């Protein structure tokens, strides 16, 4: 698959990312503080923020920021839970993951745990829209067609993230959705996906 260069789109997209992420952080710094306090109060054994290495555009690694939603020894417990993995491909997912904290369940359900990635967007590691940034060990298992998703900047949301039934989507279907975005990416597609993501979050909050 050939990835078509779109310099004008990339420039406008970066300008939008830079301005909106900065405004958001300046306006809602108090909300970040409240969430950090709630995470620390729920499980005070560790830092309220979770930092993890992910793979960005052209395979360049970067540090991704999130609010911590799991217990501090979550990674050490992962091997014991591998047999319960409900995802196919190189991805690890459990619907009722026992490592998730009480406040973590709420943060994940509302996608609030992803808000610290505004800093990643501001720094240029990510964009508002693009394939979700994978772990290095996931990339190590990618096929050649899967690696296409590394040719654009990763994003906060994408076709998969904006899907109401994303947990039921297979790994190959997920990759095809990312390839679809790379083929069709435009300002209109980005805006459509951002609004769709907000709609999915609101419906989930209302139990629909």
N, C-alpha and C. Protein backbone atom coordinates (compact mmCIF):
# COMPACT_ATOMS: atom_id res chain seq x y z
N UNK A 1 0.85 -1.20 0.00
CA UNK A 1 0.00 0.00 0.00
C UNK A 1 0.88 1.24 0.00
N UNK A 2 0.63 2.13 -0.96
CA UNK A 2 1.38 3.38 -1.03
C UNK A 2 0.66 4.46 -0.24
N UNK A 3 1.40 5.14 0.64
CA UNK A 3 0.81 6.20 1.45
C UNK A 3 1.02 7.54 0.74
N UNK A 4 -0.08 8.12 0.30
CA UNK A 4 -0.01 9.37 -0.44
C UNK A 4 0.36 10.53 0.48
N UNK A 5 1.33 11.35 0.06
CA UNK A 5 1.74 12.50 0.86
C UNK A 5 0.71 13.63 0.71
N UNK A 6 0.39 14.27 1.83
CA UNK A 6 -0.58 15.36 1.84
C UNK A 6 -0.01 16.50 2.69
N UNK A 7 0.95 17.27 2.15
CA UNK A 7 1.63 18.31 2.93
C UNK A 7 0.71 19.40 3.47
N UNK A 8 -0.27 19.85 2.67
CA UNK A 8 -1.19 20.89 3.13
C UNK A 8 -2.05 20.37 4.28
N UNK A 9 -2.58 19.18 4.10
CA UNK A 9 -3.38 18.54 5.15
C UNK A 9 -2.55 18.36 6.42
N UNK A 10 -1.31 17.88 6.27
CA UNK A 10 -0.44 17.66 7.43
C UNK A 10 -0.15 18.96 8.18
N UNK A 11 0.05 20.05 7.44
CA UNK A 11 0.33 21.34 8.07
C UNK A 11 -0.88 21.84 8.87
N UNK A 12 -2.06 21.79 8.24
CA UNK A 12 -3.27 22.25 8.92
C UNK A 12 -3.59 21.37 10.13
N UNK A 13 -3.39 20.08 9.95
CA UNK A 13 -3.65 19.12 11.02
C UNK A 13 -2.74 19.40 12.22
N UNK A 14 -1.45 19.67 11.95
CA UNK A 14 -0.51 19.94 13.04
C UNK A 14 -0.85 21.26 13.74
N UNK A 15 -1.23 22.26 12.97
CA UNK A 15 -1.60 23.56 13.54
C UNK A 15 -2.83 23.41 14.43
N UNK A 16 -3.80 22.65 13.98
CA UNK A 16 -5.00 22.38 14.76
C UNK A 16 -4.65 21.64 16.05
N UNK A 17 -3.83 20.61 15.93
CA UNK A 17 -3.41 19.82 17.10
C UNK A 17 -2.72 20.71 18.14
N UNK A 18 -1.82 21.53 17.68
CA UNK A 18 -1.02 22.38 18.56
C UNK A 18 -1.91 23.38 19.32
N UNK A 19 -2.76 24.08 18.59
CA UNK A 19 -3.60 25.12 19.19
C UNK A 19 -4.65 24.53 20.13
N UNK A 20 -5.37 23.51 19.66
CA UNK A 20 -6.47 22.94 20.45
C UNK A 20 -5.95 22.23 21.70
N UNK A 21 -4.87 21.47 21.59
CA UNK A 21 -4.34 20.76 22.76
C UNK A 21 -3.85 21.76 23.82
N UNK A 22 -3.22 22.84 23.38
CA UNK A 22 -2.74 23.86 24.32
C UNK A 22 -3.91 24.54 25.03
N UNK A 23 -4.92 24.95 24.27
CA UNK A 23 -6.09 25.60 24.85
C UNK A 23 -6.79 24.67 25.84
N UNK A 24 -6.91 23.40 25.47
CA UNK A 24 -7.58 22.42 26.34
C UNK A 24 -6.84 22.29 27.66
N UNK A 25 -5.52 22.15 27.62
CA UNK A 25 -4.75 21.99 28.85
C UNK A 25 -4.79 23.23 29.73
N UNK A 26 -4.78 24.40 29.10
CA UNK A 26 -4.84 25.65 29.87
C UNK A 26 -6.21 25.84 30.53
N UNK A 27 -7.26 25.43 29.84
CA UNK A 27 -8.61 25.60 30.37
C UNK A 27 -8.97 24.56 31.43
N UNK A 28 -8.46 23.35 31.27
CA UNK A 28 -8.89 22.25 32.13
C UNK A 28 -7.80 21.68 33.03
N UNK A 29 -6.79 22.49 33.35
CA UNK A 29 -5.73 22.02 34.25
C UNK A 29 -6.30 21.59 35.59
N UNK A 30 -7.36 22.28 36.04
CA UNK A 30 -8.00 21.95 37.33
C UNK A 30 -8.65 20.57 37.29
N UNK A 31 -9.16 20.18 36.12
CA UNK A 31 -9.79 18.86 35.98
C UNK A 31 -8.74 17.77 36.06
N UNK A 32 -7.58 18.03 35.44
CA UNK A 32 -6.47 17.09 35.54
C UNK A 32 -6.09 16.89 37.00
N UNK A 33 -6.04 17.97 37.76
CA UNK A 33 -5.66 17.92 39.17
C UNK A 33 -6.66 17.09 39.97
N UNK A 34 -7.96 17.29 39.72
CA UNK A 34 -9.00 16.53 40.42
C UNK A 34 -8.87 15.04 40.14
N UNK A 35 -8.69 14.68 38.87
CA UNK A 35 -8.56 13.27 38.50
C UNK A 35 -7.32 12.66 39.14
N UNK A 36 -6.22 13.40 39.14
CA UNK A 36 -4.98 12.90 39.74
C UNK A 36 -5.18 12.62 41.23
N UNK A 37 -5.90 13.49 41.91
CA UNK A 37 -6.18 13.31 43.34
C UNK A 37 -7.06 12.08 43.56
N UNK A 38 -8.07 11.89 42.71
CA UNK A 38 -8.96 10.74 42.83
C UNK A 38 -8.21 9.43 42.60
N UNK A 39 -7.30 9.42 41.62
CA UNK A 39 -6.51 8.21 41.34
C UNK A 39 -5.61 7.89 42.53
N UNK A 40 -4.96 8.91 43.09
CA UNK A 40 -4.08 8.72 44.24
C UNK A 40 -4.87 8.27 45.47
N UNK A 41 -6.08 8.80 45.65
CA UNK A 41 -6.91 8.42 46.80
C UNK A 41 -7.40 6.98 46.68
N UNK A 42 -7.66 6.54 45.45
CA UNK A 42 -8.15 5.18 45.22
C UNK A 42 -7.05 4.14 45.41
N UNK A 43 -5.85 4.48 44.98
CA UNK A 43 -4.70 3.58 45.11
C UNK A 43 -3.46 4.44 45.28
N UNK A 44 -3.13 4.72 46.53
CA UNK A 44 -2.04 5.65 46.81
C UNK A 44 -0.65 5.06 46.77
N UNK A 45 -0.51 3.84 46.25
CA UNK A 45 0.79 3.18 46.22
C UNK A 45 1.68 3.66 45.08
N UNK A 46 1.12 4.38 44.14
CA UNK A 46 1.93 4.80 43.00
C UNK A 46 1.54 6.17 42.49
N UNK A 47 2.16 6.56 41.39
CA UNK A 47 1.92 7.87 40.77
C UNK A 47 0.58 7.86 40.06
N UNK A 48 -0.17 8.96 40.08
CA UNK A 48 -1.47 9.00 39.39
C UNK A 48 -1.36 8.94 37.86
N UNK A 49 -0.16 9.24 37.33
CA UNK A 49 0.03 9.17 35.89
C UNK A 49 0.79 7.91 35.50
N UNK A 50 0.47 7.38 34.34
CA UNK A 50 1.10 6.17 33.82
C UNK A 50 1.85 6.55 32.55
N UNK A 51 3.12 6.23 32.51
CA UNK A 51 3.96 6.55 31.35
C UNK A 51 4.44 5.24 30.73
N UNK A 52 4.24 5.09 29.44
CA UNK A 52 4.58 3.84 28.77
C UNK A 52 5.17 4.12 27.38
N UNK A 53 6.15 3.34 27.00
CA UNK A 53 6.75 3.52 25.68
C UNK A 53 5.83 2.96 24.60
N UNK A 54 5.57 3.77 23.59
CA UNK A 54 4.77 3.37 22.43
C UNK A 54 5.57 3.66 21.17
N UNK A 55 5.06 3.17 20.05
CA UNK A 55 5.72 3.36 18.77
C UNK A 55 4.93 4.37 17.94
N UNK A 56 5.63 5.39 17.46
CA UNK A 56 4.99 6.45 16.70
C UNK A 56 5.27 6.37 15.21
N UNK A 57 5.13 7.49 14.54
CA UNK A 57 5.33 7.56 13.10
C UNK A 57 6.74 7.13 12.72
N UNK A 58 6.83 6.33 11.65
CA UNK A 58 8.10 5.81 11.14
C UNK A 58 8.83 4.94 12.16
N UNK A 59 8.06 4.37 13.10
CA UNK A 59 8.65 3.45 14.08
C UNK A 59 9.41 4.13 15.20
N UNK A 60 9.27 5.44 15.33
CA UNK A 60 10.00 6.18 16.36
C UNK A 60 9.30 6.03 17.72
N UNK A 61 10.03 5.57 18.74
CA UNK A 61 9.40 5.40 20.06
C UNK A 61 9.19 6.72 20.78
N UNK A 62 8.18 6.77 21.62
CA UNK A 62 7.93 7.95 22.45
C UNK A 62 7.23 7.52 23.73
N UNK A 63 7.20 8.39 24.72
CA UNK A 63 6.56 8.11 25.99
C UNK A 63 5.11 8.60 25.95
N UNK A 64 4.17 7.69 26.13
CA UNK A 64 2.75 8.02 26.12
C UNK A 64 2.27 8.24 27.55
N UNK A 65 1.45 9.29 27.74
CA UNK A 65 0.96 9.63 29.07
C UNK A 65 -0.52 9.28 29.21
N UNK A 66 -0.86 8.70 30.37
CA UNK A 66 -2.25 8.39 30.69
C UNK A 66 -2.45 8.53 32.19
N UNK A 67 -3.70 8.64 32.62
CA UNK A 67 -3.98 8.50 34.03
C UNK A 67 -3.91 7.01 34.35
N UNK A 68 -3.33 6.68 35.49
CA UNK A 68 -3.17 5.26 35.85
C UNK A 68 -4.52 4.66 36.19
N UNK A 69 -4.84 3.54 35.56
CA UNK A 69 -6.11 2.85 35.79
C UNK A 69 -5.92 1.46 36.37
N UNK A 70 -4.67 1.04 36.51
CA UNK A 70 -4.39 -0.30 37.04
C UNK A 70 -3.56 -0.23 38.30
N UNK A 71 -3.51 -1.35 39.02
CA UNK A 71 -2.68 -1.43 40.21
C UNK A 71 -1.21 -1.33 39.81
N UNK A 72 -0.35 -1.02 40.76
CA UNK A 72 1.05 -0.75 40.46
C UNK A 72 1.80 -1.95 39.88
N UNK A 73 1.42 -3.17 40.28
CA UNK A 73 2.13 -4.37 39.79
C UNK A 73 1.40 -5.03 38.63
N UNK A 74 0.69 -4.23 37.84
CA UNK A 74 -0.11 -4.76 36.73
C UNK A 74 0.71 -5.53 35.71
N UNK A 75 1.88 -5.00 35.34
CA UNK A 75 2.70 -5.65 34.32
C UNK A 75 3.20 -7.01 34.78
N UNK A 76 3.55 -7.13 36.06
CA UNK A 76 4.06 -8.40 36.59
C UNK A 76 2.96 -9.46 36.64
N UNK A 77 1.70 -9.02 36.68
CA UNK A 77 0.57 -9.95 36.71
C UNK A 77 0.12 -10.38 35.31
N UNK A 78 0.61 -9.69 34.31
CA UNK A 78 0.12 -9.92 32.94
C UNK A 78 0.39 -11.34 32.46
N UNK A 79 1.57 -11.87 32.74
CA UNK A 79 1.92 -13.21 32.27
C UNK A 79 0.95 -14.25 32.84
N UNK A 80 0.52 -14.08 34.10
CA UNK A 80 -0.40 -15.02 34.72
C UNK A 80 -1.78 -14.97 34.08
N UNK A 81 -2.09 -13.85 33.44
CA UNK A 81 -3.41 -13.66 32.86
C UNK A 81 -3.46 -13.92 31.35
N UNK A 82 -2.32 -14.26 30.75
CA UNK A 82 -2.25 -14.42 29.30
C UNK A 82 -3.24 -15.45 28.77
N UNK A 83 -3.49 -16.50 29.53
CA UNK A 83 -4.42 -17.55 29.07
C UNK A 83 -5.86 -17.05 29.00
N UNK A 84 -6.13 -15.92 29.66
CA UNK A 84 -7.48 -15.34 29.64
C UNK A 84 -7.63 -14.25 28.58
N UNK A 85 -6.59 -14.02 27.78
CA UNK A 85 -6.63 -12.98 26.76
C UNK A 85 -7.79 -13.22 25.79
N UNK A 86 -8.62 -12.19 25.60
CA UNK A 86 -9.80 -12.31 24.74
C UNK A 86 -9.59 -11.70 23.36
N UNK A 87 -8.40 -11.13 23.12
CA UNK A 87 -8.11 -10.50 21.82
C UNK A 87 -7.26 -11.42 20.96
N UNK A 88 -7.40 -11.28 19.64
CA UNK A 88 -6.54 -12.05 18.75
C UNK A 88 -5.38 -11.17 18.31
N UNK A 89 -4.44 -11.74 17.56
CA UNK A 89 -3.28 -10.97 17.13
C UNK A 89 -2.35 -10.69 18.30
N UNK A 90 -1.50 -9.68 18.19
CA UNK A 90 -0.52 -9.38 19.24
C UNK A 90 -1.05 -8.54 20.40
N UNK A 91 -2.36 -8.29 20.40
CA UNK A 91 -2.96 -7.41 21.42
C UNK A 91 -3.43 -8.22 22.62
N UNK A 92 -3.30 -7.64 23.82
CA UNK A 92 -3.76 -8.29 25.05
C UNK A 92 -4.92 -7.49 25.63
N UNK A 93 -6.09 -8.14 25.78
CA UNK A 93 -7.27 -7.48 26.34
C UNK A 93 -8.12 -8.48 27.09
N UNK A 94 -8.58 -8.06 28.28
CA UNK A 94 -9.54 -8.84 29.07
C UNK A 94 -10.69 -7.90 29.42
N UNK A 95 -11.91 -8.33 29.18
CA UNK A 95 -13.06 -7.46 29.42
C UNK A 95 -13.14 -7.02 30.87
N UNK A 96 -13.05 -7.96 31.79
CA UNK A 96 -13.10 -7.65 33.22
C UNK A 96 -11.72 -7.89 33.83
N UNK A 97 -10.77 -7.05 33.43
CA UNK A 97 -9.39 -7.19 33.88
C UNK A 97 -9.30 -6.94 35.39
N UNK A 98 -8.86 -7.93 36.17
CA UNK A 98 -8.80 -7.78 37.64
C UNK A 98 -7.76 -6.76 38.10
N UNK A 99 -6.89 -6.31 37.20
CA UNK A 99 -5.85 -5.35 37.57
C UNK A 99 -6.36 -3.91 37.59
N UNK A 100 -7.53 -3.68 37.03
CA UNK A 100 -8.07 -2.32 36.94
C UNK A 100 -8.63 -1.87 38.30
N UNK A 101 -8.30 -0.68 38.70
CA UNK A 101 -8.78 -0.13 39.97
C UNK A 101 -10.23 0.33 39.84
N UNK A 102 -10.84 0.67 40.99
CA UNK A 102 -12.24 1.12 40.97
C UNK A 102 -12.39 2.40 40.15
N UNK A 103 -11.56 3.39 40.44
CA UNK A 103 -11.63 4.65 39.68
C UNK A 103 -11.18 4.40 38.24
N UNK A 104 -10.30 3.41 38.04
CA UNK A 104 -9.81 3.09 36.70
C UNK A 104 -10.92 2.63 35.77
N UNK A 105 -11.91 1.91 36.30
CA UNK A 105 -13.03 1.44 35.48
C UNK A 105 -13.81 2.63 34.94
N UNK A 106 -14.03 3.62 35.80
CA UNK A 106 -14.75 4.82 35.37
C UNK A 106 -13.94 5.61 34.35
N UNK A 107 -12.65 5.77 34.61
CA UNK A 107 -11.80 6.54 33.70
C UNK A 107 -11.75 5.90 32.31
N UNK A 108 -11.69 4.58 32.26
CA UNK A 108 -11.67 3.88 30.98
C UNK A 108 -13.01 3.96 30.27
N UNK A 109 -14.08 3.81 31.01
CA UNK A 109 -15.42 3.84 30.42
C UNK A 109 -15.72 5.19 29.77
N UNK A 110 -15.16 6.25 30.35
CA UNK A 110 -15.41 7.60 29.85
C UNK A 110 -14.26 8.13 28.99
N UNK A 111 -13.20 7.33 28.85
CA UNK A 111 -11.99 7.71 28.10
C UNK A 111 -11.24 8.87 28.75
N UNK A 112 -11.56 9.19 30.00
CA UNK A 112 -10.86 10.27 30.69
C UNK A 112 -9.40 9.92 30.93
N UNK A 113 -9.11 8.61 31.03
CA UNK A 113 -7.72 8.19 31.25
C UNK A 113 -6.80 8.61 30.10
N UNK A 114 -7.38 8.92 28.93
CA UNK A 114 -6.58 9.28 27.77
C UNK A 114 -6.24 10.78 27.72
N UNK A 115 -6.86 11.59 28.58
CA UNK A 115 -6.67 13.05 28.49
C UNK A 115 -5.22 13.52 28.61
N UNK A 116 -4.35 12.88 29.42
CA UNK A 116 -2.96 13.33 29.46
C UNK A 116 -2.25 13.27 28.11
N UNK A 117 -2.83 12.54 27.15
CA UNK A 117 -2.24 12.48 25.82
C UNK A 117 -2.36 13.79 25.07
N UNK A 118 -3.07 14.76 25.65
CA UNK A 118 -3.07 16.11 25.09
C UNK A 118 -1.64 16.64 25.05
N UNK A 119 -0.84 16.25 26.05
CA UNK A 119 0.56 16.66 26.07
C UNK A 119 1.33 16.00 24.93
N UNK A 120 1.03 14.73 24.66
CA UNK A 120 1.65 14.04 23.52
C UNK A 120 1.30 14.72 22.21
N UNK A 121 0.04 15.18 22.11
CA UNK A 121 -0.40 15.88 20.90
C UNK A 121 0.32 17.22 20.78
N UNK A 122 0.40 17.94 21.89
CA UNK A 122 1.08 19.24 21.88
C UNK A 122 2.55 19.09 21.50
N UNK A 123 3.20 18.05 21.99
CA UNK A 123 4.63 17.82 21.70
C UNK A 123 4.89 17.26 20.30
N UNK A 124 3.81 16.85 19.62
CA UNK A 124 3.97 16.34 18.25
C UNK A 124 4.16 14.85 18.16
N UNK A 125 4.06 14.13 19.28
CA UNK A 125 4.18 12.67 19.24
C UNK A 125 2.94 12.05 18.58
N UNK A 126 1.80 12.71 18.80
CA UNK A 126 0.53 12.18 18.36
C UNK A 126 -0.31 13.29 17.72
N UNK A 127 -1.46 12.88 17.19
CA UNK A 127 -2.44 13.81 16.64
C UNK A 127 -3.78 13.49 17.29
N UNK A 128 -4.79 14.33 17.07
CA UNK A 128 -6.11 14.01 17.59
C UNK A 128 -6.67 12.77 16.91
N UNK A 129 -6.38 12.62 15.63
CA UNK A 129 -6.91 11.47 14.88
C UNK A 129 -5.77 10.73 14.19
N UNK A 130 -5.79 9.42 14.31
CA UNK A 130 -4.77 8.58 13.70
C UNK A 130 -4.80 7.21 14.34
N UNK A 131 -4.13 6.23 13.80
CA UNK A 131 -4.10 4.89 14.40
C UNK A 131 -3.60 4.95 15.84
N UNK A 132 -4.19 4.18 16.73
CA UNK A 132 -3.76 4.16 18.12
C UNK A 132 -2.31 3.68 18.20
N UNK A 133 -1.47 4.34 19.03
CA UNK A 133 -0.04 3.98 19.10
C UNK A 133 0.18 2.61 19.76
N UNK A 134 0.85 1.70 19.08
CA UNK A 134 1.04 0.35 19.61
C UNK A 134 2.25 0.23 20.54
N UNK A 135 2.30 -0.88 21.25
CA UNK A 135 3.45 -1.22 22.08
C UNK A 135 4.56 -1.78 21.19
N UNK A 136 5.83 -1.62 21.57
CA UNK A 136 6.92 -2.18 20.77
C UNK A 136 6.80 -3.69 20.54
N UNK A 137 6.35 -4.43 21.56
CA UNK A 137 6.24 -5.89 21.42
C UNK A 137 5.10 -6.27 20.48
N UNK A 138 4.11 -5.39 20.32
CA UNK A 138 3.05 -5.64 19.35
C UNK A 138 3.58 -5.41 17.94
N UNK A 139 4.35 -4.34 17.76
CA UNK A 139 4.93 -4.02 16.46
C UNK A 139 5.86 -5.13 15.98
N UNK A 140 6.55 -5.77 16.93
CA UNK A 140 7.48 -6.85 16.59
C UNK A 140 6.75 -8.02 15.94
N UNK A 141 5.43 -8.12 16.15
CA UNK A 141 4.65 -9.22 15.58
C UNK A 141 3.82 -8.79 14.36
N UNK A 142 4.01 -7.55 13.92
CA UNK A 142 3.25 -7.04 12.78
C UNK A 142 3.66 -7.72 11.47
N UNK A 143 2.68 -7.86 10.58
CA UNK A 143 2.98 -8.26 9.22
C UNK A 143 3.36 -7.00 8.44
N UNK A 144 3.79 -7.16 7.21
CA UNK A 144 4.16 -5.99 6.40
C UNK A 144 2.98 -5.06 6.21
N UNK A 145 1.79 -5.62 6.02
CA UNK A 145 0.61 -4.77 5.81
C UNK A 145 0.22 -4.03 7.09
N UNK A 146 0.49 -4.65 8.24
CA UNK A 146 0.19 -3.99 9.51
C UNK A 146 1.09 -2.78 9.73
N UNK A 147 2.32 -2.85 9.25
CA UNK A 147 3.29 -1.79 9.48
C UNK A 147 2.94 -0.49 8.74
N UNK A 148 2.00 -0.58 7.82
CA UNK A 148 1.55 0.62 7.11
C UNK A 148 1.04 1.67 8.09
N UNK A 149 0.43 1.22 9.17
CA UNK A 149 -0.15 2.17 10.14
C UNK A 149 0.92 2.99 10.85
N UNK A 150 2.18 2.58 10.75
CA UNK A 150 3.28 3.34 11.35
C UNK A 150 3.77 4.46 10.45
N UNK A 151 3.19 4.59 9.26
CA UNK A 151 3.65 5.60 8.31
C UNK A 151 2.94 6.94 8.49
N UNK A 152 1.98 6.97 9.43
CA UNK A 152 1.32 8.24 9.77
C UNK A 152 1.41 8.42 11.28
N UNK A 153 1.19 9.64 11.73
CA UNK A 153 1.27 9.93 13.17
C UNK A 153 0.11 9.24 13.90
N UNK A 154 0.39 8.58 15.03
CA UNK A 154 -0.69 7.95 15.79
C UNK A 154 -1.64 8.99 16.38
N UNK A 155 -2.84 8.54 16.77
CA UNK A 155 -3.83 9.50 17.23
C UNK A 155 -4.54 9.11 18.52
N UNK A 156 -5.28 10.08 19.04
CA UNK A 156 -6.09 9.88 20.23
C UNK A 156 -7.32 9.04 19.90
N UNK A 157 -7.84 9.21 18.68
CA UNK A 157 -8.98 8.42 18.26
C UNK A 157 -8.81 8.00 16.80
N UNK A 158 -9.61 7.04 16.39
CA UNK A 158 -9.53 6.47 15.03
C UNK A 158 -10.84 5.76 14.75
N UNK A 159 -10.94 5.09 13.61
CA UNK A 159 -12.16 4.37 13.28
C UNK A 159 -12.46 3.31 14.34
N UNK A 160 -11.43 2.59 14.79
CA UNK A 160 -11.61 1.55 15.81
C UNK A 160 -12.07 2.16 17.12
N UNK A 161 -11.40 3.23 17.57
CA UNK A 161 -11.72 3.88 18.84
C UNK A 161 -13.13 4.44 18.82
N UNK A 162 -13.60 4.88 17.66
CA UNK A 162 -14.92 5.49 17.54
C UNK A 162 -16.03 4.48 17.29
N UNK A 163 -15.69 3.19 17.31
CA UNK A 163 -16.68 2.14 17.09
C UNK A 163 -17.36 1.75 18.40
N UNK A 164 -18.66 1.63 18.40
CA UNK A 164 -19.40 1.27 19.61
C UNK A 164 -19.07 -0.15 20.07
N UNK A 165 -18.75 -1.03 19.11
CA UNK A 165 -18.47 -2.43 19.43
C UNK A 165 -17.00 -2.76 19.27
N UNK A 166 -16.11 -1.82 19.60
CA UNK A 166 -14.69 -1.99 19.30
C UNK A 166 -14.10 -3.24 19.94
N UNK A 167 -14.63 -3.67 21.10
CA UNK A 167 -14.09 -4.86 21.77
C UNK A 167 -14.45 -6.14 21.03
N UNK A 168 -15.39 -6.06 20.10
CA UNK A 168 -15.79 -7.23 19.32
C UNK A 168 -15.11 -7.25 17.95
N UNK A 169 -14.31 -6.24 17.66
CA UNK A 169 -13.63 -6.16 16.36
C UNK A 169 -12.33 -6.95 16.41
N UNK A 170 -12.12 -7.81 15.43
CA UNK A 170 -10.90 -8.63 15.40
C UNK A 170 -9.69 -7.76 15.09
N UNK A 171 -8.51 -8.30 15.35
CA UNK A 171 -7.29 -7.55 15.11
C UNK A 171 -7.15 -7.19 13.63
N UNK A 172 -7.47 -8.13 12.74
CA UNK A 172 -7.34 -7.85 11.30
C UNK A 172 -8.34 -6.79 10.86
N UNK A 173 -9.55 -6.82 11.40
CA UNK A 173 -10.54 -5.78 11.09
C UNK A 173 -10.06 -4.42 11.58
N UNK A 174 -9.43 -4.41 12.76
CA UNK A 174 -8.87 -3.18 13.33
C UNK A 174 -7.81 -2.61 12.40
N UNK A 175 -6.91 -3.47 11.93
CA UNK A 175 -5.84 -3.03 11.04
C UNK A 175 -6.42 -2.50 9.72
N UNK A 176 -7.48 -3.14 9.24
CA UNK A 176 -8.10 -2.69 7.99
C UNK A 176 -8.75 -1.32 8.18
N UNK A 177 -9.32 -1.07 9.35
CA UNK A 177 -9.89 0.25 9.64
C UNK A 177 -8.81 1.32 9.63
N UNK A 178 -7.62 0.98 10.16
CA UNK A 178 -6.51 1.93 10.14
C UNK A 178 -6.02 2.18 8.72
N UNK A 179 -5.97 1.13 7.90
CA UNK A 179 -5.57 1.31 6.51
C UNK A 179 -6.60 2.16 5.76
N UNK A 180 -7.87 1.97 6.11
CA UNK A 180 -8.95 2.78 5.52
C UNK A 180 -8.73 4.26 5.86
N UNK A 181 -8.37 4.55 7.12
CA UNK A 181 -8.14 5.95 7.51
C UNK A 181 -6.96 6.53 6.74
N UNK A 182 -5.89 5.77 6.60
CA UNK A 182 -4.70 6.26 5.92
C UNK A 182 -5.01 6.59 4.46
N UNK A 183 -5.85 5.76 3.83
CA UNK A 183 -6.25 6.02 2.43
C UNK A 183 -7.13 7.26 2.32
N UNK A 184 -8.04 7.44 3.28
CA UNK A 184 -9.08 8.46 3.15
C UNK A 184 -8.81 9.73 3.95
N UNK A 185 -7.71 9.76 4.71
CA UNK A 185 -7.52 10.85 5.67
C UNK A 185 -7.66 12.23 5.02
N UNK A 186 -8.42 13.08 5.74
CA UNK A 186 -8.69 14.45 5.30
C UNK A 186 -9.21 15.21 6.52
N UNK A 187 -9.35 16.51 6.39
CA UNK A 187 -9.86 17.31 7.49
C UNK A 187 -11.29 16.90 7.82
N UNK A 188 -12.09 16.60 6.79
CA UNK A 188 -13.46 16.20 7.01
C UNK A 188 -13.54 14.87 7.76
N UNK A 189 -12.71 13.91 7.38
CA UNK A 189 -12.68 12.60 8.05
C UNK A 189 -12.26 12.77 9.50
N UNK A 190 -11.26 13.61 9.76
CA UNK A 190 -10.80 13.84 11.12
C UNK A 190 -11.91 14.44 11.99
N UNK A 191 -12.60 15.45 11.47
CA UNK A 191 -13.68 16.08 12.23
C UNK A 191 -14.82 15.09 12.48
N UNK A 192 -15.14 14.31 11.47
CA UNK A 192 -16.21 13.32 11.60
C UNK A 192 -15.87 12.30 12.69
N UNK A 193 -14.63 11.83 12.72
CA UNK A 193 -14.22 10.84 13.72
C UNK A 193 -14.19 11.43 15.13
N UNK A 194 -13.79 12.69 15.25
CA UNK A 194 -13.78 13.32 16.58
C UNK A 194 -15.19 13.45 17.13
N UNK A 195 -16.14 13.90 16.29
CA UNK A 195 -17.52 14.03 16.74
C UNK A 195 -18.14 12.66 17.03
N UNK A 196 -17.80 11.68 16.21
CA UNK A 196 -18.32 10.33 16.42
C UNK A 196 -17.81 9.75 17.72
N UNK A 197 -16.54 10.02 18.05
CA UNK A 197 -15.95 9.53 19.30
C UNK A 197 -16.67 10.12 20.50
N UNK A 198 -16.95 11.42 20.45
CA UNK A 198 -17.69 12.07 21.55
C UNK A 198 -19.06 11.43 21.70
N UNK A 199 -19.73 11.14 20.59
CA UNK A 199 -21.04 10.50 20.63
C UNK A 199 -20.99 9.12 21.27
N UNK A 200 -19.97 8.34 20.94
CA UNK A 200 -19.82 7.00 21.50
C UNK A 200 -19.60 7.09 23.01
N UNK A 201 -18.78 8.04 23.45
CA UNK A 201 -18.51 8.21 24.88
C UNK A 201 -19.78 8.61 25.63
N UNK A 202 -20.57 9.53 25.07
CA UNK A 202 -21.80 9.97 25.71
C UNK A 202 -22.84 8.86 25.78
N UNK A 203 -22.94 8.06 24.71
CA UNK A 203 -23.89 6.94 24.72
C UNK A 203 -23.50 5.90 25.76
N UNK A 204 -22.17 5.68 25.87
CA UNK A 204 -21.68 4.70 26.85
C UNK A 204 -21.98 5.20 28.26
N UNK A 205 -21.82 6.50 28.49
CA UNK A 205 -22.09 7.07 29.80
C UNK A 205 -23.55 6.95 30.18
N UNK A 206 -24.43 7.03 29.16
CA UNK A 206 -25.86 6.94 29.41
C UNK A 206 -26.36 5.50 29.42
N UNK A 207 -25.41 4.56 29.24
CA UNK A 207 -25.77 3.15 29.26
C UNK A 207 -26.35 2.64 27.98
N UNK A 208 -26.18 3.36 26.88
CA UNK A 208 -26.73 2.94 25.59
C UNK A 208 -25.62 2.46 24.66
